[in-house]
PDB file of N, CA and C in Angstrom:
ATOM      1  N   MET A   1       6.859 -18.250  27.870  1.00  0.00           N
ATOM      2  CA  MET A   1       5.998 -18.301  26.704  1.00  0.00           C
ATOM      3  C   MET A   1       5.486 -16.888  26.415  1.00  0.00           C
ATOM      4  N   THR A   2       5.365 -16.573  25.150  1.00  0.00           N
ATOM      5  CA  THR A   2       4.756 -15.323  24.713  1.00  0.00           C
ATOM      6  C   THR A   2       3.328 -15.609  24.282  1.00  0.00           C
ATOM      7  N   ASN A   3       2.427 -14.746  24.708  1.00  0.00           N
ATOM      8  CA  ASN A   3       1.019 -14.848  24.330  1.00  0.00           C
ATOM      9  C   ASN A   3       0.626 -13.609  23.536  1.00  0.00           C
ATOM     10  N   LEU A   4      -0.042 -13.827  22.426  1.00  0.00           N
ATOM     11  CA  LEU A   4      -0.579 -12.741  21.609  1.00  0.00           C
ATOM     12  C   LEU A   4      -2.086 -12.924  21.565  1.00  0.00           C
ATOM     13  N   ILE A   5      -2.805 -11.959  22.114  1.00  0.00           N
ATOM     14  CA  ILE A   5      -4.263 -12.031  22.161  1.00  0.00           C
ATOM     15  C   ILE A   5      -4.818 -10.933  21.263  1.00  0.00           C
ATOM     16  N   PHE A   6      -5.605 -11.342  20.285  1.00  0.00           N
ATOM     17  CA  PHE A   6      -6.261 -10.385  19.398  1.00  0.00           C
ATOM     18  C   PHE A   6      -7.642 -10.058  19.949  1.00  0.00           C
ATOM     19  N   PHE A   7      -7.988  -8.771  19.931  1.00  0.00           N
ATOM     20  CA  PHE A   7      -9.314  -8.316  20.333  1.00  0.00           C
ATOM     21  C   PHE A   7     -10.155  -8.167  19.076  1.00  0.00           C
ATOM     22  N   LYS A   8     -11.326  -8.797  19.075  1.00  0.00           N
ATOM     23  CA  LYS A   8     -12.217  -8.726  17.916  1.00  0.00           C
ATOM     24  C   LYS A   8     -13.633  -8.385  18.369  1.00  0.00           C
ATOM     25  N   SER A   9     -14.367  -7.765  17.468  1.00  0.00           N
ATOM     26  CA  SER A   9     -15.776  -7.476  17.699  1.00  0.00           C
ATOM     27  C   SER A   9     -16.516  -7.647  16.384  1.00  0.00           C
ATOM     28  N   LYS A  10     -17.453  -8.564  16.371  1.00  0.00           N
ATOM     29  CA  LYS A  10     -18.275  -8.815  15.181  1.00  0.00           C
ATOM     30  C   LYS A  10     -17.416  -9.030  13.941  1.00  0.00           C
ATOM     31  N   GLY A  11     -16.323  -9.784  14.088  1.00  0.00           N
ATOM     32  CA  GLY A  11     -15.466 -10.111  12.954  1.00  0.00           C
ATOM     33  C   GLY A  11     -14.412  -9.070  12.621  1.00  0.00           C
ATOM     34  N   HIS A  12     -14.399  -7.951  13.337  1.00  0.00           N
ATOM     35  CA  HIS A  12     -13.417  -6.892  13.077  1.00  0.00           C
ATOM     36  C   HIS A  12     -12.372  -6.866  14.188  1.00  0.00           C
ATOM     37  N   TYR A  13     -11.138  -6.593  13.800  1.00  0.00           N
ATOM     38  CA  TYR A  13     -10.061  -6.475  14.776  1.00  0.00           C
ATOM     39  C   TYR A  13     -10.138  -5.130  15.481  1.00  0.00           C
ATOM     40  N   LEU A  14      -9.959  -5.158  16.800  1.00  0.00           N
ATOM     41  CA  LEU A  14      -9.935  -3.930  17.594  1.00  0.00           C
ATOM     42  C   LEU A  14      -8.633  -3.805  18.378  1.00  0.00           C
ATOM     43  N   GLY A  15      -7.636  -4.619  18.035  1.00  0.00           N
ATOM     44  CA  GLY A  15      -6.341  -4.489  18.675  1.00  0.00           C
ATOM     45  C   GLY A  15      -5.759  -5.820  19.104  1.00  0.00           C
ATOM     46  N   PHE A  16      -4.738  -5.722  19.971  1.00  0.00           N
ATOM     47  CA  PHE A  16      -4.058  -6.914  20.472  1.00  0.00           C
ATOM     48  C   PHE A  16      -3.314  -6.581  21.751  1.00  0.00           C
ATOM     49  N   CYS A  17      -2.926  -7.628  22.450  1.00  0.00           N
ATOM     50  CA  CYS A  17      -2.017  -7.539  23.591  1.00  0.00           C
ATOM     51  C   CYS A  17      -1.008  -8.664  23.436  1.00  0.00           C
ATOM     52  N   CYS A  18       0.250  -8.324  23.493  1.00  0.00           N
ATOM     53  CA  CYS A  18       1.312  -9.320  23.381  1.00  0.00           C
ATOM     54  C   CYS A  18       2.170  -9.215  24.638  1.00  0.00           C
ATOM     55  N   ASN A  19       2.375 -10.349  25.320  1.00  0.00           N
ATOM     56  CA  ASN A  19       3.168 -10.278  26.541  1.00  0.00           C
ATOM     57  C   ASN A  19       3.976 -11.548  26.760  1.00  0.00           C
ATOM     58  N   GLY A  20       5.019 -11.386  27.551  1.00  0.00           N
ATOM     59  CA  GLY A  20       5.873 -12.497  27.923  1.00  0.00           C
ATOM     60  C   GLY A  20       7.086 -12.643  27.024  1.00  0.00           C
ATOM     61  N   HIS A  21       7.997 -13.494  27.468  1.00  0.00           N
ATOM     62  CA  HIS A  21       9.195 -13.818  26.692  1.00  0.00           C
ATOM     63  C   HIS A  21       9.114 -15.293  26.303  1.00  0.00           C
ATOM     64  N   THR A  22       9.422 -15.601  25.078  1.00  0.00           N
ATOM     65  CA  THR A  22       9.215 -16.961  24.578  1.00  0.00           C
ATOM     66  C   THR A  22      10.017 -18.007  25.342  1.00  0.00           C
ATOM     67  N   GLY A  23      11.222 -17.666  25.736  1.00  0.00           N
ATOM     68  CA  GLY A  23      12.049 -18.634  26.432  1.00  0.00           C
ATOM     69  C   GLY A  23      12.693 -19.663  25.517  1.00  0.00           C
ATOM     70  N   TYR A  24      12.673 -19.405  24.228  1.00  0.00           N
ATOM     71  CA  TYR A  24      13.279 -20.331  23.273  1.00  0.00           C
ATOM     72  C   TYR A  24      14.798 -20.387  23.441  1.00  0.00           C
ATOM     73  N   ALA A  25      15.396 -19.221  23.710  1.00  0.00           N
ATOM     74  CA  ALA A  25      16.845 -19.127  23.898  1.00  0.00           C
ATOM     75  C   ALA A  25      17.131 -17.932  24.807  1.00  0.00           C
ATOM     76  N   GLU A  26      18.385 -17.763  25.149  1.00  0.00           N
ATOM     77  CA  GLU A  26      18.786 -16.637  25.987  1.00  0.00           C
ATOM     78  C   GLU A  26      18.477 -15.326  25.272  1.00  0.00           C
ATOM     79  N   SER A  27      18.237 -14.299  26.086  1.00  0.00           N
ATOM     80  CA  SER A  27      17.984 -12.970  25.542  1.00  0.00           C
ATOM     81  C   SER A  27      19.120 -12.575  24.600  1.00  0.00           C
ATOM     82  N   GLY A  28      18.743 -12.067  23.444  1.00  0.00           N
ATOM     83  CA  GLY A  28      19.724 -11.702  22.437  1.00  0.00           C
ATOM     84  C   GLY A  28      19.968 -12.791  21.399  1.00  0.00           C
ATOM     85  N   TYR A  29      19.511 -14.015  21.708  1.00  0.00           N
ATOM     86  CA  TYR A  29      19.687 -15.147  20.803  1.00  0.00           C
ATOM     87  C   TYR A  29      18.366 -15.840  20.487  1.00  0.00           C
ATOM     88  N   ASP A  30      17.285 -15.273  20.949  1.00  0.00           N
ATOM     89  CA  ASP A  30      15.971 -15.911  20.837  1.00  0.00           C
ATOM     90  C   ASP A  30      15.307 -15.518  19.515  1.00  0.00           C
ATOM     91  N   ILE A  31      15.389 -16.399  18.528  1.00  0.00           N
ATOM     92  CA  ILE A  31      14.849 -16.096  17.199  1.00  0.00           C
ATOM     93  C   ILE A  31      13.324 -16.026  17.197  1.00  0.00           C
ATOM     94  N   VAL A  32      12.679 -16.778  18.072  1.00  0.00           N
ATOM     95  CA  VAL A  32      11.216 -16.756  18.134  1.00  0.00           C
ATOM     96  C   VAL A  32      10.762 -15.399  18.676  1.00  0.00           C
ATOM     97  N   CYS A  33      11.366 -14.978  19.761  1.00  0.00           N
ATOM     98  CA  CYS A  33      11.030 -13.681  20.355  1.00  0.00           C
ATOM     99  C   CYS A  33      11.333 -12.546  19.369  1.00  0.00           C
ATOM    100  N   ALA A  34      12.441 -12.644  18.685  1.00  0.00           N
ATOM    101  CA  ALA A  34      12.822 -11.600  17.727  1.00  0.00           C
ATOM    102  C   ALA A  34      11.806 -11.496  16.588  1.00  0.00           C
ATOM    103  N   ALA A  35      11.362 -12.625  16.077  1.00  0.00           N
ATOM    104  CA  ALA A  35      10.390 -12.624  14.974  1.00  0.00           C
ATOM    105  C   ALA A  35       9.065 -12.020  15.413  1.00  0.00           C
ATOM    106  N   VAL A  36       8.571 -12.471  16.560  1.00  0.00           N
ATOM    107  CA  VAL A  36       7.287 -11.968  17.061  1.00  0.00           C
ATOM    108  C   VAL A  36       7.398 -10.492  17.408  1.00  0.00           C
ATOM    109  N   SER A  37       8.454 -10.111  18.099  1.00  0.00           N
ATOM    110  CA  SER A  37       8.632  -8.714  18.497  1.00  0.00           C
ATOM    111  C   SER A  37       8.696  -7.789  17.288  1.00  0.00           C
ATOM    112  N   ALA A  38       9.436  -8.189  16.281  1.00  0.00           N
ATOM    113  CA  ALA A  38       9.560  -7.355  15.087  1.00  0.00           C
ATOM    114  C   ALA A  38       8.215  -7.182  14.394  1.00  0.00           C
ATOM    115  N   ALA A  39       7.461  -8.262  14.257  1.00  0.00           N
ATOM    116  CA  ALA A  39       6.157  -8.178  13.590  1.00  0.00           C
ATOM    117  C   ALA A  39       5.170  -7.332  14.392  1.00  0.00           C
ATOM    118  N   VAL A  40       5.142  -7.540  15.698  1.00  0.00           N
ATOM    119  CA  VAL A  40       4.228  -6.786  16.559  1.00  0.00           C
ATOM    120  C   VAL A  40       4.595  -5.301  16.555  1.00  0.00           C
ATOM    121  N   GLU A  41       5.872  -4.999  16.707  1.00  0.00           N
ATOM    122  CA  GLU A  41       6.301  -3.601  16.732  1.00  0.00           C
ATOM    123  C   GLU A  41       6.093  -2.907  15.394  1.00  0.00           C
ATOM    124  N   LEU A  42       6.325  -3.601  14.299  1.00  0.00           N
ATOM    125  CA  LEU A  42       6.088  -3.019  12.979  1.00  0.00           C
ATOM    126  C   LEU A  42       4.609  -2.687  12.795  1.00  0.00           C
ATOM    127  N   THR A  43       3.736  -3.612  13.183  1.00  0.00           N
ATOM    128  CA  THR A  43       2.297  -3.385  13.069  1.00  0.00           C
ATOM    129  C   THR A  43       1.868  -2.216  13.941  1.00  0.00           C
ATOM    130  N   ALA A  44       2.327  -2.188  15.183  1.00  0.00           N
ATOM    131  CA  ALA A  44       1.975  -1.108  16.103  1.00  0.00           C
ATOM    132  C   ALA A  44       2.501   0.229  15.597  1.00  0.00           C
ATOM    133  N   ASP A  45       3.734   0.243  15.092  1.00  0.00           N
ATOM    134  CA  ASP A  45       4.312   1.484  14.588  1.00  0.00           C
ATOM    135  C   ASP A  45       3.530   2.013  13.388  1.00  0.00           C
ATOM    136  N   TYR A  46       3.170   1.140  12.478  1.00  0.00           N
ATOM    137  CA  TYR A  46       2.414   1.553  11.296  1.00  0.00           C
ATOM    138  C   TYR A  46       1.071   2.163  11.695  1.00  0.00           C
ATOM    139  N   LEU A  47       0.332   1.437  12.543  1.00  0.00           N
ATOM    140  CA  LEU A  47      -1.005   1.914  12.908  1.00  0.00           C
ATOM    141  C   LEU A  47      -0.953   3.200  13.731  1.00  0.00           C
ATOM    142  N   THR A  48       0.029   3.334  14.615  1.00  0.00           N
ATOM    143  CA  THR A  48       0.111   4.567  15.406  1.00  0.00           C
ATOM    144  C   THR A  48       0.643   5.738  14.584  1.00  0.00           C
ATOM    145  N   ALA A  49       1.485   5.470  13.606  1.00  0.00           N
ATOM    146  CA  ALA A  49       2.030   6.552  12.774  1.00  0.00           C
ATOM    147  C   ALA A  49       0.986   7.128  11.823  1.00  0.00           C
ATOM    148  N   TYR A  50       0.167   6.274  11.244  1.00  0.00           N
ATOM    149  CA  TYR A  50      -0.768   6.727  10.220  1.00  0.00           C
ATOM    150  C   TYR A  50      -2.205   6.873  10.699  1.00  0.00           C
ATOM    151  N   PHE A  51      -2.520   6.318  11.852  1.00  0.00           N
ATOM    152  CA  PHE A  51      -3.894   6.377  12.366  1.00  0.00           C
ATOM    153  C   PHE A  51      -3.885   6.725  13.854  1.00  0.00           C
ATOM    154  N   LYS A  52      -3.004   7.670  14.231  1.00  0.00           N
ATOM    155  CA  LYS A  52      -2.773   7.952  15.646  1.00  0.00           C
ATOM    156  C   LYS A  52      -4.013   8.414  16.399  1.00  0.00           C
ATOM    157  N   ASP A  53      -4.962   9.008  15.715  1.00  0.00           N
ATOM    158  CA  ASP A  53      -6.184   9.435  16.395  1.00  0.00           C
ATOM    159  C   ASP A  53      -7.189   8.291  16.550  1.00  0.00           C
ATOM    160  N   GLN A  54      -6.911   7.137  15.943  1.00  0.00           N
ATOM    161  CA  GLN A  54      -7.828   5.999  16.003  1.00  0.00           C
ATOM    162  C   GLN A  54      -7.308   4.832  16.842  1.00  0.00           C
ATOM    163  N   VAL A  55      -6.073   4.925  17.323  1.00  0.00           N
ATOM    164  CA  VAL A  55      -5.497   3.828  18.110  1.00  0.00           C
ATOM    165  C   VAL A  55      -4.790   4.376  19.354  1.00  0.00           C
ATOM    166  N   LYS A  56      -4.685   3.503  20.343  1.00  0.00           N
ATOM    167  CA  LYS A  56      -3.942   3.838  21.558  1.00  0.00           C
ATOM    168  C   LYS A  56      -2.948   2.716  21.810  1.00  0.00           C
ATOM    169  N   LEU A  57      -1.694   3.088  22.036  1.00  0.00           N
ATOM    170  CA  LEU A  57      -0.631   2.121  22.267  1.00  0.00           C
ATOM    171  C   LEU A  57      -0.133   2.245  23.697  1.00  0.00           C
ATOM    172  N   SER A  58       0.039   1.108  24.337  1.00  0.00           N
ATOM    173  CA  SER A  58       0.545   1.072  25.706  1.00  0.00           C
ATOM    174  C   SER A  58       1.664   0.040  25.778  1.00  0.00           C
ATOM    175  N   VAL A  59       2.819   0.442  26.300  1.00  0.00           N
ATOM    176  CA  VAL A  59       3.962  -0.452  26.429  1.00  0.00           C
ATOM    177  C   VAL A  59       4.341  -0.531  27.903  1.00  0.00           C
ATOM    178  N   ASP A  60       4.462  -1.746  28.408  1.00  0.00           N
ATOM    179  CA  ASP A  60       4.853  -1.987  29.790  1.00  0.00           C
ATOM    180  C   ASP A  60       6.134  -2.811  29.767  1.00  0.00           C
ATOM    181  N   ASP A  61       7.274  -2.117  29.812  1.00  0.00           N
ATOM    182  CA  ASP A  61       8.570  -2.795  29.740  1.00  0.00           C
ATOM    183  C   ASP A  61       8.804  -3.721  30.932  1.00  0.00           C
ATOM    184  N   GLU A  62       8.303  -3.328  32.090  1.00  0.00           N
ATOM    185  CA  GLU A  62       8.507  -4.130  33.296  1.00  0.00           C
ATOM    186  C   GLU A  62       7.879  -5.516  33.171  1.00  0.00           C
ATOM    187  N   ASN A  63       6.706  -5.579  32.536  1.00  0.00           N
ATOM    188  CA  ASN A  63       6.004  -6.844  32.366  1.00  0.00           C
ATOM    189  C   ASN A  63       6.103  -7.405  30.951  1.00  0.00           C
ATOM    190  N   THR A  64       6.973  -6.830  30.139  1.00  0.00           N
ATOM    191  CA  THR A  64       7.171  -7.255  28.754  1.00  0.00           C
ATOM    192  C   THR A  64       5.829  -7.377  28.036  1.00  0.00           C
ATOM    193  N   SER A  65       5.126  -6.255  27.947  1.00  0.00           N
ATOM    194  CA  SER A  65       3.784  -6.262  27.364  1.00  0.00           C
ATOM    195  C   SER A  65       3.581  -5.045  26.466  1.00  0.00           C
ATOM    196  N   ILE A  66       2.888  -5.273  25.360  1.00  0.00           N
ATOM    197  CA  ILE A  66       2.496  -4.185  24.459  1.00  0.00           C
ATOM    198  C   ILE A  66       1.030  -4.405  24.092  1.00  0.00           C
ATOM    199  N   THR A  67       0.254  -3.336  24.225  1.00  0.00           N
ATOM    200  CA  THR A  67      -1.172  -3.413  23.928  1.00  0.00           C
ATOM    201  C   THR A  67      -1.533  -2.297  22.963  1.00  0.00           C
ATOM    202  N   LEU A  68      -2.264  -2.645  21.926  1.00  0.00           N
ATOM    203  CA  LEU A  68      -2.778  -1.668  20.968  1.00  0.00           C
ATOM    204  C   LEU A  68      -4.291  -1.845  20.916  1.00  0.00           C
ATOM    205  N   ARG A  69      -4.996  -0.745  21.078  1.00  0.00           N
ATOM    206  CA  ARG A  69      -6.463  -0.780  21.006  1.00  0.00           C
ATOM    207  C   ARG A  69      -6.941   0.262  20.007  1.00  0.00           C
ATOM    208  N   CYS A  70      -7.873  -0.165  19.165  1.00  0.00           N
ATOM    209  CA  CYS A  70      -8.494   0.740  18.201  1.00  0.00           C
ATOM    210  C   CYS A  70      -9.728   1.364  18.846  1.00  0.00           C
ATOM    211  N   ASN A  71      -9.921   2.654  18.630  1.00  0.00           N
ATOM    212  CA  ASN A  71     -11.087   3.351  19.163  1.00  0.00           C
ATOM    213  C   ASN A  71     -12.362   2.963  18.435  1.00  0.00           C
ATOM    214  N   THR A  72     -12.192   2.509  17.208  1.00  0.00           N
ATOM    215  CA  THR A  72     -13.324   2.141  16.369  1.00  0.00           C
ATOM    216  C   THR A  72     -12.859   1.126  15.332  1.00  0.00           C
ATOM    217  N   GLU A  73     -13.777   0.468  14.677  1.00  0.00           N
ATOM    218  CA  GLU A  73     -13.413  -0.440  13.592  1.00  0.00           C
ATOM    219  C   GLU A  73     -12.993   0.381  12.378  1.00  0.00           C
ATOM    220  N   PHE A  74     -11.921  -0.034  11.708  1.00  0.00           N
ATOM    221  CA  PHE A  74     -11.570   0.571  10.427  1.00  0.00           C
ATOM    222  C   PHE A  74     -10.797  -0.431   9.589  1.00  0.00           C
ATOM    223  N   SER A  75     -10.980  -0.341   8.293  1.00  0.00           N
ATOM    224  CA  SER A  75     -10.503  -1.378   7.378  1.00  0.00           C
ATOM    225  C   SER A  75      -8.994  -1.566   7.398  1.00  0.00           C
ATOM    226  N   GLU A  76      -8.227  -0.504   7.555  1.00  0.00           N
ATOM    227  CA  GLU A  76      -6.773  -0.664   7.559  1.00  0.00           C
ATOM    228  C   GLU A  76      -6.305  -1.443   8.792  1.00  0.00           C
ATOM    229  N   ALA A  77      -6.955  -1.251   9.920  1.00  0.00           N
ATOM    230  CA  ALA A  77      -6.620  -2.044  11.111  1.00  0.00           C
ATOM    231  C   ALA A  77      -6.941  -3.508  10.855  1.00  0.00           C
ATOM    232  N   ASP A  78      -8.078  -3.778  10.236  1.00  0.00           N
ATOM    233  CA  ASP A  78      -8.416  -5.169   9.904  1.00  0.00           C
ATOM    234  C   ASP A  78      -7.337  -5.803   9.034  1.00  0.00           C
ATOM    235  N   ARG A  79      -6.896  -5.088   8.009  1.00  0.00           N
ATOM    236  CA  ARG A  79      -5.877  -5.628   7.102  1.00  0.00           C
ATOM    237  C   ARG A  79      -4.553  -5.855   7.821  1.00  0.00           C
ATOM    238  N   GLN A  80      -4.101  -4.859   8.550  1.00  0.00           N
ATOM    239  CA  GLN A  80      -2.799  -4.961   9.216  1.00  0.00           C
ATOM    240  C   GLN A  80      -2.803  -6.027  10.313  1.00  0.00           C
ATOM    241  N   LEU A  81      -3.856  -6.060  11.102  1.00  0.00           N
ATOM    242  CA  LEU A  81      -3.912  -7.033  12.195  1.00  0.00           C
ATOM    243  C   LEU A  81      -4.131  -8.451  11.674  1.00  0.00           C
ATOM    244  N   ASP A  82      -4.839  -8.596  10.571  1.00  0.00           N
ATOM    245  CA  ASP A  82      -4.976  -9.919   9.969  1.00  0.00           C
ATOM    246  C   ASP A  82      -3.637 -10.384   9.402  1.00  0.00           C
ATOM    247  N   THR A  83      -2.863  -9.484   8.845  1.00  0.00           N
ATOM    248  CA  THR A  83      -1.531  -9.827   8.349  1.00  0.00           C
ATOM    249  C   THR A  83      -0.634 -10.251   9.505  1.00  0.00           C
ATOM    250  N   LEU A  84      -0.687  -9.516  10.613  1.00  0.00           N
ATOM    251  CA  LEU A  84       0.066  -9.897  11.809  1.00  0.00           C
ATOM    252  C   LEU A  84      -0.364 -11.282  12.281  1.00  0.00           C
ATOM    253  N   LYS A  85      -1.657 -11.534  12.324  1.00  0.00           N
ATOM    254  CA  LYS A  85      -2.183 -12.829  12.763  1.00  0.00           C
ATOM    255  C   LYS A  85      -1.653 -13.962  11.878  1.00  0.00           C
ATOM    256  N   ARG A  86      -1.717 -13.778  10.568  1.00  0.00           N
ATOM    257  CA  ARG A  86      -1.265 -14.831   9.650  1.00  0.00           C
ATOM    258  C   ARG A  86       0.228 -15.126   9.830  1.00  0.00           C
ATOM    259  N   PHE A  87       1.025 -14.079   9.966  1.00  0.00           N
ATOM    260  CA  PHE A  87       2.459 -14.282  10.186  1.00  0.00           C
ATOM    261  C   PHE A  87       2.697 -15.016  11.506  1.00  0.00           C
ATOM    262  N   CYS A  88       2.040 -14.544  12.548  1.00  0.00           N
ATOM    263  CA  CYS A  88       2.248 -15.133  13.874  1.00  0.00           C
ATOM    264  C   CYS A  88       1.715 -16.552  13.975  1.00  0.00           C
ATOM    265  N   GLU A  89       0.685 -16.875  13.212  1.00  0.00           N
ATOM    266  CA  GLU A  89       0.216 -18.263  13.179  1.00  0.00           C
ATOM    267  C   GLU A  89       1.306 -19.187  12.648  1.00  0.00           C
ATOM    268  N   SER A  90       2.048 -18.740  11.659  1.00  0.00           N
ATOM    269  CA  SER A  90       3.122 -19.580  11.121  1.00  0.00           C
ATOM    270  C   SER A  90       4.230 -19.774  12.156  1.00  0.00           C
ATOM    271  N   VAL A  91       4.530 -18.732  12.931  1.00  0.00           N
ATOM    272  CA  VAL A  91       5.528 -18.860  13.989  1.00  0.00           C
ATOM    273  C   VAL A  91       5.010 -19.800  15.078  1.00  0.00           C
ATOM    274  N   SER A  92       3.749 -19.625  15.468  1.00  0.00           N
ATOM    275  CA  SER A  92       3.143 -20.465  16.497  1.00  0.00           C
ATOM    276  C   SER A  92       3.086 -21.936  16.069  1.00  0.00           C
ATOM    277  N   ASP A  93       2.810 -22.176  14.797  1.00  0.00           N
ATOM    278  CA  ASP A  93       2.781 -23.551  14.286  1.00  0.00           C
ATOM    279  C   ASP A  93       4.163 -24.215  14.391  1.00  0.00           C
ATOM    280  N   GLN A  94       5.214 -23.429  14.177  1.00  0.00           N
ATOM    281  CA  GLN A  94       6.574 -23.962  14.228  1.00  0.00           C
ATOM    282  C   GLN A  94       7.113 -24.092  15.650  1.00  0.00           C
ATOM    283  N   TYR A  95       6.646 -23.219  16.550  1.00  0.00           N
ATOM    284  CA  TYR A  95       7.173 -23.172  17.915  1.00  0.00           C
ATOM    285  C   TYR A  95       6.040 -23.131  18.946  1.00  0.00           C
ATOM    286  N   PRO A  96       5.165 -24.127  18.962  1.00  0.00           N
ATOM    287  CA  PRO A  96       3.979 -24.087  19.830  1.00  0.00           C
ATOM    288  C   PRO A  96       4.290 -24.101  21.326  1.00  0.00           C
ATOM    289  N   ASP A  97       5.457 -24.539  21.711  1.00  0.00           N
ATOM    290  CA  ASP A  97       5.813 -24.553  23.133  1.00  0.00           C
ATOM    291  C   ASP A  97       6.298 -23.190  23.627  1.00  0.00           C
ATOM    292  N   TYR A  98       6.481 -22.246  22.698  1.00  0.00           N
ATOM    293  CA  TYR A  98       7.064 -20.968  23.062  1.00  0.00           C
ATOM    294  C   TYR A  98       6.175 -19.771  22.735  1.00  0.00           C
ATOM    295  N   PHE A  99       5.185 -19.967  21.863  1.00  0.00           N
ATOM    296  CA  PHE A  99       4.373 -18.840  21.397  1.00  0.00           C
ATOM    297  C   PHE A  99       2.942 -19.296  21.130  1.00  0.00           C
ATOM    298  N   LYS A 100       1.990 -18.569  21.691  1.00  0.00           N
ATOM    299  CA  LYS A 100       0.582 -18.931  21.568  1.00  0.00           C
ATOM    300  C   LYS A 100      -0.252 -17.727  21.132  1.00  0.00           C
ATOM    301  N   ILE A 101      -1.239 -17.977  20.294  1.00  0.00           N
ATOM    302  CA  ILE A 101      -2.162 -16.937  19.827  1.00  0.00           C
ATOM    303  C   ILE A 101      -3.566 -17.277  20.316  1.00  0.00           C
ATOM    304  N   ASP A 102      -4.265 -16.250  20.788  1.00  0.00           N
ATOM    305  CA  ASP A 102      -5.649 -16.387  21.218  1.00  0.00           C
ATOM    306  C   ASP A 102      -6.464 -15.232  20.667  1.00  0.00           C
ATOM    307  N   PHE A 103      -7.767 -15.387  20.748  1.00  0.00           N
ATOM    308  CA  PHE A 103      -8.697 -14.339  20.322  1.00  0.00           C
ATOM    309  C   PHE A 103      -9.707 -14.120  21.440  1.00  0.00           C
ATOM    310  N   THR A 104     -10.084 -12.888  21.648  1.00  0.00           N
ATOM    311  CA  THR A 104     -11.125 -12.596  22.619  1.00  0.00           C
ATOM    312  C   THR A 104     -12.108 -11.610  22.013  1.00  0.00           C
ATOM    313  N   GLU A 105     -13.372 -11.870  22.240  1.00  0.00           N
ATOM    314  CA  GLU A 105     -14.434 -10.991  21.748  1.00  0.00           C
ATOM    315  C   GLU A 105     -14.605  -9.856  22.748  1.00  0.00           C
ATOM    316  N   VAL A 106     -14.605  -8.646  22.237  1.00  0.00           N
ATOM    317  CA  VAL A 106     -14.765  -7.465  23.096  1.00  0.00           C
ATOM    318  C   VAL A 106     -16.024  -6.696  22.759  1.00  0.00           C
TER     319      VAL A 106
END
């Protein structure tokens, strides 16, 4: 199962951690993992490319984990992370046995 945990503070997004493999299908054929990975990586790439002084990205290939943390609240992170959340909610609704979303207050 893949877990995506959003970090929030007072209603603002401060990042996320996504880890695990969905297990929907074999590696290379897993459409659930591919959808989530593409959305997460696109969001992380956008925020690190344009707001590199405001975010920190950590990738742990050994544990199949990616973590993005914002140093401070900013509106573009709220927009991008909310868009990621909405997309991933639709994937989670379709494949609840393979992908889960959570929120944690930081």
